[in-house]
Amino acid sequence: AQRLLVVGITKMSPSESLPLFFREKGIAAFQDSSVTKR
């Protein structure tokens, strides 16, 4: 996913951690009730 800019997570358990890949590639990740607006 070389063009990936942003990920929206609709459900995420407290035990889950974000892949280091997101930070290394400058990919934003959002997870709340306003995910699409963000």
PDB file of all heavy atoms in Angstrom:
ATOM      1  N   ALA A   1       0.833  -1.212   0.000  1.00  0.00           N
ATOM      2  CA  ALA A   1       0.000   0.000   0.000  1.00  0.00           C
ATOM      3  C   ALA A   1       0.865   1.258   0.000  1.00  0.00           C
ATOM      4  O   ALA A   1       0.866   2.037   0.955  1.00  0.00           O
ATOM      5  CB  ALA A   1      -0.936  -0.022   1.195  1.00  0.00           C
ATOM      6  N   GLN A   2       1.599   1.453  -1.076  1.00  0.00           N
ATOM      7  CA  GLN A   2       2.579   2.546  -1.142  1.00  0.00           C
ATOM      8  C   GLN A   2       1.946   3.938  -1.248  1.00  0.00           C
ATOM      9  O   GLN A   2       2.584   4.934  -0.937  1.00  0.00           O
ATOM     10  CB  GLN A   2       3.516   2.315  -2.334  1.00  0.00           C
ATOM     11  CG  GLN A   2       4.371   1.057  -2.223  1.00  0.00           C
ATOM     12  CD  GLN A   2       5.286   1.097  -1.010  1.00  0.00           C
ATOM     13  OE1 GLN A   2       5.928   2.100  -0.733  1.00  0.00           O
ATOM     14  NE2 GLN A   2       5.330   0.000  -0.257  1.00  0.00           N
ATOM     15  N   ARG A   3       0.686   4.005  -1.687  1.00  0.00           N
ATOM     16  CA  ARG A   3       0.025   5.309  -1.821  1.00  0.00           C
ATOM     17  C   ARG A   3      -0.850   5.649  -0.619  1.00  0.00           C
ATOM     18  O   ARG A   3      -1.504   6.678  -0.598  1.00  0.00           O
ATOM     19  CB  ARG A   3      -0.849   5.329  -3.083  1.00  0.00           C
ATOM     20  CG  ARG A   3      -0.070   5.265  -4.371  1.00  0.00           C
ATOM     21  CD  ARG A   3      -0.974   5.504  -5.553  1.00  0.00           C
ATOM     22  NE  ARG A   3      -0.247   5.480  -6.812  1.00  0.00           N
ATOM     23  CZ  ARG A   3      -0.788   5.743  -7.996  1.00  0.00           C
ATOM     24  NH1 ARG A   3      -2.064   6.054  -8.083  1.00  0.00           N
ATOM     25  NH2 ARG A   3      -0.059   5.704  -9.096  1.00  0.00           N
ATOM     26  N   LEU A   4      -0.882   4.771   0.348  1.00  0.00           N
ATOM     27  CA  LEU A   4      -1.794   4.942   1.475  1.00  0.00           C
ATOM     28  C   LEU A   4      -1.452   6.184   2.289  1.00  0.00           C
ATOM     29  O   LEU A   4      -0.324   6.353   2.743  1.00  0.00           O
ATOM     30  CB  LEU A   4      -1.737   3.698   2.368  1.00  0.00           C
ATOM     31  CG  LEU A   4      -2.813   3.577   3.449  1.00  0.00           C
ATOM     32  CD1 LEU A   4      -4.200   3.567   2.834  1.00  0.00           C
ATOM     33  CD2 LEU A   4      -2.580   2.316   4.274  1.00  0.00           C
ATOM     34  N   LEU A   5      -2.450   7.067   2.465  1.00  0.00           N
ATOM     35  CA  LEU A   5      -2.274   8.307   3.221  1.00  0.00           C
ATOM     36  C   LEU A   5      -2.893   8.228   4.615  1.00  0.00           C
ATOM     37  O   LEU A   5      -2.369   8.796   5.568  1.00  0.00           O
ATOM     38  CB  LEU A   5      -2.915   9.485   2.470  1.00  0.00           C
ATOM     39  CG  LEU A   5      -2.339   9.848   1.104  1.00  0.00           C
ATOM     40  CD1 LEU A   5      -3.191  10.936   0.452  1.00  0.00           C
ATOM     41  CD2 LEU A   5      -0.903  10.336   1.249  1.00  0.00           C
ATOM     42  N   VAL A   6      -4.037   7.521   4.714  1.00  0.00           N
ATOM     43  CA  VAL A   6      -4.782   7.566   5.962  1.00  0.00           C
ATOM     44  C   VAL A   6      -5.614   6.299   6.123  1.00  0.00           C
ATOM     45  O   VAL A   6      -6.134   5.756   5.148  1.00  0.00           O
ATOM     46  CB  VAL A   6      -5.662   8.837   6.025  1.00  0.00           C
ATOM     47  CG1 VAL A   6      -6.616   8.924   4.843  1.00  0.00           C
ATOM     48  CG2 VAL A   6      -6.426   8.933   7.339  1.00  0.00           C
ATOM     49  N   VAL A   7      -5.736   5.857   7.381  1.00  0.00           N
ATOM     50  CA  VAL A   7      -6.542   4.693   7.724  1.00  0.00           C
ATOM     51  C   VAL A   7      -7.606   5.104   8.730  1.00  0.00           C
ATOM     52  O   VAL A   7      -7.313   5.811   9.700  1.00  0.00           O
ATOM     53  CB  VAL A   7      -5.668   3.566   8.324  1.00  0.00           C
ATOM     54  CG1 VAL A   7      -6.546   2.411   8.814  1.00  0.00           C
ATOM     55  CG2 VAL A   7      -4.666   3.067   7.300  1.00  0.00           C
ATOM     56  N   GLY A   8      -8.837   4.658   8.486  1.00  0.00           N
ATOM     57  CA  GLY A   8      -9.925   4.869   9.429  1.00  0.00           C
ATOM     58  C   GLY A   8     -10.268   3.544  10.083  1.00  0.00           C
ATOM     59  O   GLY A   8     -10.540   2.565   9.385  1.00  0.00           O
ATOM     60  N   ILE A   9     -10.226   3.496  11.410  1.00  0.00           N
ATOM     61  CA  ILE A   9     -10.482   2.257  12.148  1.00  0.00           C
ATOM     62  C   ILE A   9     -11.839   2.397  12.840  1.00  0.00           C
ATOM     63  O   ILE A   9     -12.014   3.244  13.710  1.00  0.00           O
ATOM     64  CB  ILE A   9      -9.372   1.988  13.175  1.00  0.00           C
ATOM     65  CG1 ILE A   9      -7.995   2.053  12.500  1.00  0.00           C
ATOM     66  CG2 ILE A   9      -9.581   0.633  13.839  1.00  0.00           C
ATOM     67  CD1 ILE A   9      -6.848   2.191  13.457  1.00  0.00           C
ATOM     68  N   THR A  10     -12.791   1.593  12.414  1.00  0.00           N
ATOM     69  CA  THR A  10     -14.147   1.732  12.953  1.00  0.00           C
ATOM     70  C   THR A  10     -14.321   1.058  14.309  1.00  0.00           C
ATOM     71  O   THR A  10     -15.181   1.438  15.094  1.00  0.00           O
ATOM     72  CB  THR A  10     -15.178   1.176  11.952  1.00  0.00           C
ATOM     73  OG1 THR A  10     -14.869  -0.196  11.663  1.00  0.00           O
ATOM     74  CG2 THR A  10     -15.145   1.961  10.645  1.00  0.00           C
ATOM     75  N   LYS A  11     -13.506   0.030  14.579  1.00  0.00           N
ATOM     76  CA  LYS A  11     -13.514  -0.631  15.892  1.00  0.00           C
ATOM     77  C   LYS A  11     -12.059  -0.949  16.248  1.00  0.00           C
ATOM     78  O   LYS A  11     -11.292  -1.386  15.404  1.00  0.00           O
ATOM     79  CB  LYS A  11     -14.323  -1.919  15.867  1.00  0.00           C
ATOM     80  CG  LYS A  11     -15.800  -1.739  15.578  1.00  0.00           C
ATOM     81  CD  LYS A  11     -16.506  -3.084  15.517  1.00  0.00           C
ATOM     82  CE  LYS A  11     -17.970  -2.918  15.175  1.00  0.00           C
ATOM     83  NZ  LYS A  11     -18.663  -4.223  15.054  1.00  0.00           N
ATOM     84  N   MET A  12     -11.701  -0.731  17.501  1.00  0.00           N
ATOM     85  CA  MET A  12     -10.323  -1.011  17.889  1.00  0.00           C
ATOM     86  C   MET A  12     -10.288  -1.347  19.371  1.00  0.00           C
ATOM     87  O   MET A  12     -10.702  -0.556  20.211  1.00  0.00           O
ATOM     88  CB  MET A  12      -9.435   0.203  17.610  1.00  0.00           C
ATOM     89  CG  MET A  12      -7.960  -0.001  17.883  1.00  0.00           C
ATOM     90  SD  MET A  12      -6.999   1.454  17.384  1.00  0.00           S
ATOM     91  CE  MET A  12      -5.381   1.025  17.999  1.00  0.00           C
ATOM     92  N   SER A  13      -9.819  -2.529  19.700  1.00  0.00           N
ATOM     93  CA  SER A  13      -9.782  -2.944  21.102  1.00  0.00           C
ATOM     94  C   SER A  13      -8.591  -2.298  21.800  1.00  0.00           C
ATOM     95  O   SER A  13      -7.585  -1.976  21.168  1.00  0.00           O
ATOM     96  CB  SER A  13      -9.683  -4.467  21.187  1.00  0.00           C
ATOM     97  OG  SER A  13      -8.412  -4.892  20.728  1.00  0.00           O
ATOM     98  N   PRO A  14      -8.679  -2.100  23.112  1.00  0.00           N
ATOM     99  CA  PRO A  14      -7.585  -1.479  23.873  1.00  0.00           C
ATOM    100  C   PRO A  14      -6.269  -2.242  23.765  1.00  0.00           C
ATOM    101  O   PRO A  14      -5.193  -1.656  23.931  1.00  0.00           O
ATOM    102  CB  PRO A  14      -8.107  -1.490  25.313  1.00  0.00           C
ATOM    103  CG  PRO A  14      -9.594  -1.564  25.188  1.00  0.00           C
ATOM    104  CD  PRO A  14      -9.849  -2.389  23.965  1.00  0.00           C
ATOM    105  N   SER A  15      -6.363  -3.538  23.485  1.00  0.00           N
ATOM    106  CA  SER A  15      -5.144  -4.356  23.440  1.00  0.00           C
ATOM    107  C   SER A  15      -4.396  -4.225  22.109  1.00  0.00           C
ATOM    108  O   SER A  15      -3.241  -4.635  22.001  1.00  0.00           O
ATOM    109  CB  SER A  15      -5.501  -5.828  23.672  1.00  0.00           C
ATOM    110  OG  SER A  15      -6.358  -6.299  22.634  1.00  0.00           O
ATOM    111  N   GLU A  16      -5.057  -3.648  21.117  1.00  0.00           N
ATOM    112  CA  GLU A  16      -4.432  -3.536  19.796  1.00  0.00           C
ATOM    113  C   GLU A  16      -3.438  -2.380  19.769  1.00  0.00           C
ATOM    114  O   GLU A  16      -3.655  -1.327  20.378  1.00  0.00           O
ATOM    115  CB  GLU A  16      -5.488  -3.304  18.713  1.00  0.00           C
ATOM    116  CG  GLU A  16      -6.310  -4.521  18.372  1.00  0.00           C
ATOM    117  CD  GLU A  16      -7.249  -4.236  17.217  1.00  0.00           C
ATOM    118  OE1 GLU A  16      -8.199  -3.452  17.403  1.00  0.00           O
ATOM    119  OE2 GLU A  16      -7.033  -4.802  16.128  1.00  0.00           O
ATOM    120  N   SER A  17      -2.345  -2.563  19.053  1.00  0.00           N
ATOM    121  CA  SER A  17      -1.368  -1.483  18.873  1.00  0.00           C
ATOM    122  C   SER A  17      -1.206  -1.220  17.382  1.00  0.00           C
ATOM    123  O   SER A  17      -1.348  -2.132  16.562  1.00  0.00           O
ATOM    124  CB  SER A  17      -0.020  -1.869  19.486  1.00  0.00           C
ATOM    125  OG  SER A  17       0.482  -3.047  18.877  1.00  0.00           O
ATOM    126  N   LEU A  18      -0.921   0.022  17.042  1.00  0.00           N
ATOM    127  CA  LEU A  18      -0.780   0.398  15.644  1.00  0.00           C
ATOM    128  C   LEU A  18       0.535  -0.119  15.081  1.00  0.00           C
ATOM    129  O   LEU A  18       1.572  -0.043  15.756  1.00  0.00           O
ATOM    130  CB  LEU A  18      -0.825   1.917  15.505  1.00  0.00           C
ATOM    131  CG  LEU A  18      -2.197   2.548  15.730  1.00  0.00           C
ATOM    132  CD1 LEU A  18      -2.056   4.039  15.963  1.00  0.00           C
ATOM    133  CD2 LEU A  18      -3.103   2.283  14.551  1.00  0.00           C
ATOM    134  N   PRO A  19       0.526  -0.619  13.845  1.00  0.00           N
ATOM    135  CA  PRO A  19       1.773  -1.081  13.229  1.00  0.00           C
ATOM    136  C   PRO A  19       2.795   0.047  13.127  1.00  0.00           C
ATOM    137  O   PRO A  19       2.437   1.200  12.811  1.00  0.00           O
ATOM    138  CB  PRO A  19       1.330  -1.539  11.833  1.00  0.00           C
ATOM    139  CG  PRO A  19      -0.137  -1.790  11.945  1.00  0.00           C
ATOM    140  CD  PRO A  19      -0.635  -0.806  12.967  1.00  0.00           C
ATOM    141  N   LEU A  20       4.054  -0.261  13.423  1.00  0.00           N
ATOM    142  CA  LEU A  20       5.133   0.714  13.288  1.00  0.00           C
ATOM    143  C   LEU A  20       5.179   1.267  11.862  1.00  0.00           C
ATOM    144  O   LEU A  20       5.573   2.416  11.640  1.00  0.00           O
ATOM    145  CB  LEU A  20       6.465   0.058  13.649  1.00  0.00           C
ATOM    146  CG  LEU A  20       7.710   0.948  13.607  1.00  0.00           C
ATOM    147  CD1 LEU A  20       7.579   2.099  14.608  1.00  0.00           C
ATOM    148  CD2 LEU A  20       8.961   0.122  13.909  1.00  0.00           C
ATOM    149  N   PHE A  21       4.728   0.440  10.900  1.00  0.00           N
ATOM    150  CA  PHE A  21       4.704   0.822   9.486  1.00  0.00           C
ATOM    151  C   PHE A  21       3.996   2.160   9.273  1.00  0.00           C
ATOM    152  O   PHE A  21       4.412   2.972   8.457  1.00  0.00           O
ATOM    153  CB  PHE A  21       3.978  -0.288   8.702  1.00  0.00           C
ATOM    154  CG  PHE A  21       3.808  -0.018   7.235  1.00  0.00           C
ATOM    155  CD1 PHE A  21       4.773  -0.422   6.315  1.00  0.00           C
ATOM    156  CD2 PHE A  21       2.681   0.624   6.754  1.00  0.00           C
ATOM    157  CE1 PHE A  21       4.605  -0.183   4.955  1.00  0.00           C
ATOM    158  CE2 PHE A  21       2.506   0.874   5.404  1.00  0.00           C
ATOM    159  CZ  PHE A  21       3.486   0.458   4.501  1.00  0.00           C
ATOM    160  N   PHE A  22       2.897   2.414  10.012  1.00  0.00           N
ATOM    161  CA  PHE A  22       2.142   3.653   9.839  1.00  0.00           C
ATOM    162  C   PHE A  22       3.020   4.876  10.080  1.00  0.00           C
ATOM    163  O   PHE A  22       3.007   5.838   9.323  1.00  0.00           O
ATOM    164  CB  PHE A  22       0.939   3.687  10.798  1.00  0.00           C
ATOM    165  CG  PHE A  22      -0.209   2.798  10.389  1.00  0.00           C
ATOM    166  CD1 PHE A  22      -0.124   1.992   9.262  1.00  0.00           C
ATOM    167  CD2 PHE A  22      -1.376   2.770  11.130  1.00  0.00           C
ATOM    168  CE1 PHE A  22      -1.172   1.180   8.888  1.00  0.00           C
ATOM    169  CE2 PHE A  22      -2.438   1.954  10.770  1.00  0.00           C
ATOM    170  CZ  PHE A  22      -2.330   1.153   9.647  1.00  0.00           C
ATOM    171  N   ARG A  23       3.770   4.829  11.184  1.00  0.00           N
ATOM    172  CA  ARG A  23       4.615   5.973  11.508  1.00  0.00           C
ATOM    173  C   ARG A  23       5.788   6.091  10.528  1.00  0.00           C
ATOM    174  O   ARG A  23       6.156   7.182  10.105  1.00  0.00           O
ATOM    175  CB  ARG A  23       5.136   5.846  12.943  1.00  0.00           C
ATOM    176  CG  ARG A  23       4.032   5.969  13.984  1.00  0.00           C
ATOM    177  CD  ARG A  23       4.592   5.942  15.404  1.00  0.00           C
ATOM    178  NE  ARG A  23       3.535   6.152  16.387  1.00  0.00           N
ATOM    179  CZ  ARG A  23       2.787   5.185  16.904  1.00  0.00           C
ATOM    180  NH1 ARG A  23       3.006   3.925  16.527  1.00  0.00           N
ATOM    181  NH2 ARG A  23       1.846   5.450  17.784  1.00  0.00           N
ATOM    182  N   GLU A  24       6.362   4.954  10.178  1.00  0.00           N
ATOM    183  CA  GLU A  24       7.510   4.970   9.263  1.00  0.00           C
ATOM    184  C   GLU A  24       7.158   5.527   7.893  1.00  0.00           C
ATOM    185  O   GLU A  24       8.000   6.123   7.223  1.00  0.00           O
ATOM    186  CB  GLU A  24       8.063   3.546   9.114  1.00  0.00           C
ATOM    187  CG  GLU A  24       8.748   3.012  10.361  1.00  0.00           C
ATOM    188  CD  GLU A  24       9.181   1.572  10.191  1.00  0.00           C
ATOM    189  OE1 GLU A  24       8.680   0.899   9.254  1.00  0.00           O
ATOM    190  OE2 GLU A  24      10.025   1.104  10.992  1.00  0.00           O
ATOM    191  N   LYS A  25       5.910   5.338   7.463  1.00  0.00           N
ATOM    192  CA  LYS A  25       5.470   5.807   6.144  1.00  0.00           C
ATOM    193  C   LYS A  25       4.655   7.104   6.205  1.00  0.00           C
ATOM    194  O   LYS A  25       4.161   7.575   5.186  1.00  0.00           O
ATOM    195  CB  LYS A  25       4.642   4.718   5.451  1.00  0.00           C
ATOM    196  CG  LYS A  25       5.425   3.444   5.150  1.00  0.00           C
ATOM    197  CD  LYS A  25       6.561   3.706   4.161  1.00  0.00           C
ATOM    198  CE  LYS A  25       7.317   2.427   3.827  1.00  0.00           C
ATOM    199  NZ  LYS A  25       8.440   2.675   2.886  1.00  0.00           N
ATOM    200  N   GLY A  26       4.509   7.687   7.380  1.00  0.00           N
ATOM    201  CA  GLY A  26       3.779   8.951   7.497  1.00  0.00           C
ATOM    202  C   GLY A  26       2.296   8.810   7.236  1.00  0.00           C
ATOM    203  O   GLY A  26       1.652   9.730   6.714  1.00  0.00           O
ATOM    204  N   ILE A  27       1.712   7.655   7.614  1.00  0.00           N
ATOM    205  CA  ILE A  27       0.289   7.391   7.399  1.00  0.00           C
ATOM    206  C   ILE A  27      -0.492   7.801   8.646  1.00  0.00           C
ATOM    207  O   ILE A  27      -0.183   7.368   9.758  1.00  0.00           O
ATOM    208  CB  ILE A  27       0.051   5.897   7.095  1.00  0.00           C
ATOM    209  CG1 ILE A  27       0.766   5.499   5.800  1.00  0.00           C
ATOM    210  CG2 ILE A  27      -1.443   5.587   7.002  1.00  0.00           C
ATOM    211  CD1 ILE A  27       0.821   4.001   5.559  1.00  0.00           C
ATOM    212  N   ALA A  28      -1.501   8.635   8.457  1.00  0.00           N
ATOM    213  CA  ALA A  28      -2.353   9.043   9.579  1.00  0.00           C
ATOM    214  C   ALA A  28      -3.383   7.956   9.851  1.00  0.00           C
ATOM    215  O   ALA A  28      -3.842   7.273   8.938  1.00  0.00           O
ATOM    216  CB  ALA A  28      -3.065  10.358   9.251  1.00  0.00           C
ATOM    217  N   ALA A  29      -3.746   7.787  11.124  1.00  0.00           N
ATOM    218  CA  ALA A  29      -4.775   6.825  11.505  1.00  0.00           C
ATOM    219  C   ALA A  29      -5.748   7.502  12.459  1.00  0.00           C
ATOM    220  O   ALA A  29      -5.336   8.215  13.381  1.00  0.00           O
ATOM    221  CB  ALA A  29      -4.148   5.600  12.166  1.00  0.00           C
ATOM    222  N   PHE A  30      -7.044   7.310  12.208  1.00  0.00           N
ATOM    223  CA  PHE A  30      -8.081   7.913  13.044  1.00  0.00           C
ATOM    224  C   PHE A  30      -9.018   6.820  13.549  1.00  0.00           C
ATOM    225  O   PHE A  30      -9.318   5.861  12.834  1.00  0.00           O
ATOM    226  CB  PHE A  30      -8.893   8.942  12.253  1.00  0.00           C
ATOM    227  CG  PHE A  30      -8.093  10.150  11.827  1.00  0.00           C
ATOM    228  CD1 PHE A  30      -7.473  10.188  10.578  1.00  0.00           C
ATOM    229  CD2 PHE A  30      -7.962  11.247  12.661  1.00  0.00           C
ATOM    230  CE1 PHE A  30      -6.753  11.300  10.172  1.00  0.00           C
ATOM    231  CE2 PHE A  30      -7.237  12.364  12.264  1.00  0.00           C
ATOM    232  CZ  PHE A  30      -6.623  12.391  11.019  1.00  0.00           C
ATOM    233  N   GLN A  31      -9.491   7.019  14.782  1.00  0.00           N
ATOM    234  CA  GLN A  31     -10.417   6.041  15.348  1.00  0.00           C
ATOM    235  C   GLN A  31     -11.291   6.727  16.380  1.00  0.00           C
ATOM    236  O   GLN A  31     -10.920   6.870  17.543  1.00  0.00           O
ATOM    237  CB  GLN A  31      -9.647   4.874  15.980  1.00  0.00           C
ATOM    238  CG  GLN A  31     -10.497   3.642  16.287  1.00  0.00           C
ATOM    239  CD  GLN A  31     -11.065   3.666  17.682  1.00  0.00           C
ATOM    240  OE1 GLN A  31     -10.396   4.041  18.646  1.00  0.00           O
ATOM    241  NE2 GLN A  31     -12.303   3.237  17.834  1.00  0.00           N
ATOM    242  N   ASP A  32     -12.431   7.257  15.894  1.00  0.00           N
ATOM    243  CA  ASP A  32     -13.444   7.805  16.796  1.00  0.00           C
ATOM    244  C   ASP A  32     -14.750   7.926  16.023  1.00  0.00           C
ATOM    245  O   ASP A  32     -14.836   7.499  14.874  1.00  0.00           O
ATOM    246  CB  ASP A  32     -13.007   9.149  17.405  1.00  0.00           C
ATOM    247  CG  ASP A  32     -12.859  10.268  16.387  1.00  0.00           C
ATOM    248  OD1 ASP A  32     -13.310  10.105  15.241  1.00  0.00           O
ATOM    249  OD2 ASP A  32     -12.297  11.317  16.739  1.00  0.00           O
ATOM    250  N   SER A  33     -15.769   8.506  16.638  1.00  0.00           N
ATOM    251  CA  SER A  33     -17.091   8.592  16.002  1.00  0.00           C
ATOM    252  C   SER A  33     -17.106   9.534  14.799  1.00  0.00           C
ATOM    253  O   SER A  33     -18.020   9.486  13.986  1.00  0.00           O
ATOM    254  CB  SER A  33     -18.133   9.052  17.028  1.00  0.00           C
ATOM    255  OG  SER A  33     -17.764  10.316  17.571  1.00  0.00           O
ATOM    256  N   SER A  34     -16.104  10.390  14.694  1.00  0.00           N
ATOM    257  CA  SER A  34     -16.035  11.350  13.576  1.00  0.00           C
ATOM    258  C   SER A  34     -14.941  10.981  12.576  1.00  0.00           C
ATOM    259  O   SER A  34     -14.353  11.861  11.937  1.00  0.00           O
ATOM    260  CB  SER A  34     -15.778  12.758  14.118  1.00  0.00           C
ATOM    261  OG  SER A  34     -16.775  13.153  15.022  1.00  0.00           O
ATOM    262  N   VAL A  35     -14.655   9.692  12.432  1.00  0.00           N
ATOM    263  CA  VAL A  35     -13.497   9.260  11.643  1.00  0.00           C
ATOM    264  C   VAL A  35     -13.550   9.771  10.203  1.00  0.00           C
ATOM    265  O   VAL A  35     -12.528  10.215   9.666  1.00  0.00           O
ATOM    266  CB  VAL A  35     -13.342   7.720  11.695  1.00  0.00           C
ATOM    267  CG1 VAL A  35     -14.522   7.016  11.047  1.00  0.00           C
ATOM    268  CG2 VAL A  35     -12.042   7.291  11.062  1.00  0.00           C
ATOM    269  N   THR A  36     -14.714   9.746   9.567  1.00  0.00           N
ATOM    270  CA  THR A  36     -14.793  10.168   8.154  1.00  0.00           C
ATOM    271  C   THR A  36     -14.558  11.661   8.016  1.00  0.00           C
ATOM    272  O   THR A  36     -13.845  12.107   7.111  1.00  0.00           O
ATOM    273  CB  THR A  36     -16.142   9.754   7.547  1.00  0.00           C
ATOM    274  OG1 THR A  36     -16.255   8.329   7.599  1.00  0.00           O
ATOM    275  CG2 THR A  36     -16.241  10.194   6.090  1.00  0.00           C
ATOM    276  N   LYS A  37     -15.132  12.450   8.900  1.00  0.00           N
ATOM    277  CA  LYS A  37     -14.888  13.894   8.870  1.00  0.00           C
ATOM    278  C   LYS A  37     -13.404  14.192   9.059  1.00  0.00           C
ATOM    279  O   LYS A  37     -12.842  15.077   8.408  1.00  0.00           O
ATOM    280  CB  LYS A  37     -15.702  14.599   9.958  1.00  0.00           C
ATOM    281  CG  LYS A  37     -17.203  14.636   9.688  1.00  0.00           C
ATOM    282  CD  LYS A  37     -17.920  15.381  10.794  1.00  0.00           C
ATOM    283  CE  LYS A  37     -19.429  15.409  10.543  1.00  0.00           C
ATOM    284  NZ  LYS A  37     -20.153  16.103  11.634  1.00  0.00           N
ATOM    285  N   ARG A  38     -12.764  13.447   9.953  1.00  0.00           N
ATOM    286  CA  ARG A  38     -11.337  13.685  10.212  1.00  0.00           C
ATOM    287  C   ARG A  38     -10.478  13.272   9.012  1.00  0.00           C
ATOM    288  O   ARG A  38      -9.485  13.927   8.694  1.00  0.00           O
ATOM    289  CB  ARG A  38     -10.911  12.949  11.480  1.00  0.00           C
ATOM    290  CG  ARG A  38     -11.651  13.417  12.713  1.00  0.00           C
ATOM    291  CD  ARG A  38     -10.915  13.109  13.991  1.00  0.00           C
ATOM    292  NE  ARG A  38     -11.761  13.365  15.150  1.00  0.00           N
ATOM    293  CZ  ARG A  38     -12.042  14.573  15.625  1.00  0.00           C
ATOM    294  NH1 ARG A  38     -11.550  15.646  15.039  1.00  0.00           N
ATOM    295  NH2 ARG A  38     -12.827  14.725  16.690  1.00  0.00           N
TER     296      ARG A  38
END
